[in-house]
Protein backbone atom coordinates (compact mmCIF):
# COMPACT_ATOMS: atom_id res chain seq x y z
CA MET A 1 98.42 99.36 123.09
CA LEU A 2 102.10 100.83 122.60
CA THR A 3 102.04 99.87 119.07
CA GLU A 4 99.03 102.13 118.51
CA GLU A 5 100.87 104.94 119.79
CA GLY A 6 103.64 104.52 117.44
CA GLN A 7 106.19 103.32 120.10
CA TYR A 8 107.25 100.38 118.28
CA THR A 9 110.71 100.04 119.79
CA ASN A 10 109.06 100.00 123.36
CA ALA A 11 106.27 97.54 122.32
CA LEU A 12 108.94 95.28 121.07
CA ALA A 13 110.65 95.07 124.55
CA VAL A 14 107.36 94.53 126.14
CA TYR A 15 106.75 91.80 123.79
CA ASN A 16 109.96 90.10 124.31
CA ASN A 17 109.42 90.39 128.22
CA LEU A 18 106.10 88.89 127.76
CA LEU A 19 107.27 86.04 125.81
CA GLN A 20 109.83 85.06 128.41
CA GLU A 21 107.00 85.18 131.14
CA VAL A 22 104.32 82.96 129.25
CA GLY A 23 106.55 80.19 128.35
CA ASN A 24 105.16 77.58 126.44
CA ASP A 25 101.42 78.53 126.80
CA ASN A 26 100.63 78.41 123.17
CA SER A 27 97.66 80.45 123.15
CA SER A 28 99.28 83.44 125.04
CA ARG A 29 102.59 82.97 123.06
CA LEU A 30 101.03 83.03 119.74
CA GLU A 31 98.94 86.11 120.37
CA ILE A 32 102.14 87.77 121.52
CA LEU A 33 104.24 86.66 118.59
CA GLU A 34 101.31 87.97 116.33
CA ARG A 35 101.74 91.46 118.07
CA ARG A 36 105.49 91.11 117.88
CA ALA A 37 105.61 90.38 114.28
CA MET A 38 103.53 93.37 113.48
CA THR A 39 105.72 95.59 115.65
CA LEU A 40 108.73 94.07 113.80
CA TRP A 41 107.28 94.76 110.33
CA LYS A 42 106.55 98.31 111.39
CA LEU A 43 110.20 98.73 112.35
CA GLU A 44 111.07 97.42 108.80
CA ARG A 45 112.54 94.24 110.33
CA SER A 46 110.72 91.95 107.83
CA GLU A 47 113.02 88.86 108.30
CA GLU A 48 112.38 88.88 111.99
CA ALA A 49 108.59 89.24 111.52
CA LEU A 50 108.58 86.38 109.07
CA THR A 51 110.33 84.30 111.78
CA ASP A 52 107.43 85.05 114.17
CA ILE A 53 105.02 84.42 111.29
CA ASP A 54 106.41 81.12 110.82
CA THR A 55 105.96 80.08 114.28
CA ILE A 56 102.39 80.93 114.34
CA LEU A 57 101.73 79.21 111.02
CA THR A 58 103.44 75.99 111.85
CA THR A 59 101.85 75.77 115.55
CA ASN A 60 98.79 73.11 115.60
CA GLY A 61 95.83 73.61 117.30
CA PRO A 62 92.29 74.53 116.65
CA GLU A 63 92.06 77.54 118.98
CA HIS A 64 94.59 79.18 116.89
CA TYR A 65 92.85 79.76 113.76
CA PHE A 66 92.10 83.48 113.87
CA ILE A 67 95.65 84.16 115.12
CA LYS A 68 96.82 82.21 111.97
CA LEU A 69 94.49 84.25 109.46
CA ASN A 70 95.78 87.32 110.98
CA ALA A 71 99.51 86.00 110.55
CA LEU A 72 98.58 85.06 106.95
CA SER A 73 97.44 88.50 106.10
CA LEU A 74 100.55 90.09 107.57
CA TYR A 75 102.84 87.30 105.81
CA VAL A 76 101.21 88.31 102.60
CA THR A 77 101.56 92.15 103.39
CA ILE A 78 105.30 91.30 103.88
CA ILE A 79 105.86 89.08 100.94
CA ASP A 80 104.08 91.58 98.59
CA ALA A 81 106.41 94.17 99.71
CA MET A 82 109.54 92.19 99.21
CA LYS A 83 108.20 90.79 95.87
CA GLU A 84 108.66 87.33 97.12
CA PRO A 85 106.18 84.42 96.14
CA PHE A 86 103.98 82.70 98.33
CA ALA A 87 105.61 79.82 100.03
CA ALA A 88 104.11 76.30 99.45
CA VAL A 89 104.75 75.09 103.27
CA TYR A 90 101.91 77.51 104.12
CA LYS A 91 99.32 76.55 101.57
CA PRO A 92 97.59 74.02 103.96
CA VAL A 93 97.34 76.71 106.54
CA ILE A 94 95.03 78.40 104.11
CA ASP A 95 92.90 75.12 103.78
CA GLU A 96 92.71 74.78 107.53
CA VAL A 97 91.79 78.48 108.13
CA THR A 98 89.18 78.31 105.29
CA GLY A 99 87.75 75.13 106.74
CA PHE A 100 87.52 76.55 110.44
CA LEU A 101 85.64 79.56 108.93
CA GLY A 102 83.31 77.34 106.88
CA MET A 103 84.19 79.16 103.78
CA GLU A 104 84.46 78.43 100.10
CA THR A 105 87.28 79.67 97.91
CA SER A 106 88.01 78.90 94.31
CA LYS A 107 91.49 77.94 94.56
CA ASN A 108 91.68 77.06 90.92
CA THR A 109 91.41 80.67 89.67
CA GLU A 110 92.91 82.61 92.38
CA ASP A 111 96.53 82.85 93.79
CA GLU A 112 97.11 82.19 97.57
CA GLN A 113 97.68 86.00 98.32
CA THR A 114 94.21 86.85 96.73
CA VAL A 115 92.51 84.06 98.61
CA VAL A 116 94.22 85.16 101.97
CA ARG A 117 92.96 88.74 101.24
CA TYR A 118 89.46 87.34 100.53
CA LEU A 119 89.43 85.36 103.63
CA VAL A 120 90.37 88.38 105.85
CA GLU A 121 88.05 90.74 104.34
CA GLU A 122 84.98 88.23 104.57
CA ASN A 123 85.89 87.45 108.30
CA GLN A 124 86.19 90.96 109.23
CA LYS A 125 83.08 91.97 107.49
CA ALA A 126 81.14 89.22 109.15
CA ASN A 127 82.70 89.92 112.48
CA ARG A 128 81.76 93.55 112.40
CA GLU A 129 78.17 92.58 111.13
CA ILE A 130 77.29 90.30 114.07
CA SER A 131 79.01 92.37 116.52
CA GLY A 132 76.89 95.23 115.56
CA ILE A 133 73.74 93.05 116.05
CA LEU A 134 74.73 91.67 119.42
CA THR A 135 75.76 94.92 120.77
CA ALA A 136 72.84 96.99 119.39
CA ASP A 137 70.33 98.24 121.87
CA SER A 138 67.24 96.67 120.25
CA ASN A 139 64.40 94.56 121.53
CA ALA A 140 64.76 90.54 121.35
CA THR A 141 62.36 90.76 118.06
CA ALA A 142 64.59 92.88 116.26
CA MET A 143 67.60 90.91 117.16
CA LEU A 144 66.30 87.81 116.11
CA ALA A 145 65.12 89.27 112.69
CA GLN A 146 68.61 90.64 112.20
CA LEU A 147 70.43 87.32 113.33
CA ARG A 148 68.32 85.52 111.08
CA HIS A 149 69.07 87.85 108.21
CA PHE A 150 72.73 87.86 108.83
CA GLY A 151 72.72 83.98 109.00
CA GLN A 152 71.05 83.71 105.84
CA ASN A 153 73.45 86.11 104.02
CA THR A 154 76.93 85.88 105.48
CA SER A 155 79.53 83.81 103.55
CA VAL A 156 81.51 82.76 106.78
CA GLY A 157 80.06 79.59 108.16
CA TYR A 158 81.79 80.17 111.58
CA TYR A 159 79.49 83.40 112.09
CA GLN A 160 76.64 81.53 110.46
CA SER A 161 76.83 79.19 113.47
CA LEU A 162 77.26 81.73 115.90
CA ALA A 163 74.22 83.60 114.70
CA GLU A 164 72.22 80.35 114.85
CA GLU A 165 73.33 79.63 118.52
CA GLN A 166 72.45 83.31 119.52
CA ILE A 167 68.86 82.60 118.05
CA ARG A 168 68.72 79.42 119.96
CA GLN A 169 69.69 81.16 123.09
CA LEU A 170 67.15 84.07 122.51
CA LYS A 171 64.42 81.53 122.09
CA LEU A 172 65.68 79.51 125.25
CA SER A 173 65.40 82.60 127.20
CA GLY A 174 61.70 83.27 126.07
CA GLN A 175 62.35 86.56 124.37
């Protein structure tokens, strides 16, 4: 990606063109907005980045939860840098994402920024773990054992369910 090469101005132009091409296709649009928001943040254009983040966080649709989690993460980074409080309008988004991920948070003792950081950290950890299991060059018996262990120990219900489905598929295939 252009942003990884540090060519943020070029990346911004690409994302703007892509947004015109995709029109109202929410899935593609939100992914591009997420990348554009990150690029705008890297270009120190925080207000514009926050506008894209607002669009992402206020768009409905269950297929958008991972994009929303990433947007919440960037939002927290930006408001921390700006020393701004967490906007109350986005608190329900935390609940939506938490529910989708099948996670528990102790809302009574933690501020929203801490909750978002926890969700991101646990999601990334679980994603790395299950990806490692699924892409490892191991036999079916070893993979089954690893998936069972992972499913019993992850705090992210989404990935727990994914592990259970992979176990089911392995058993159905007779491995």
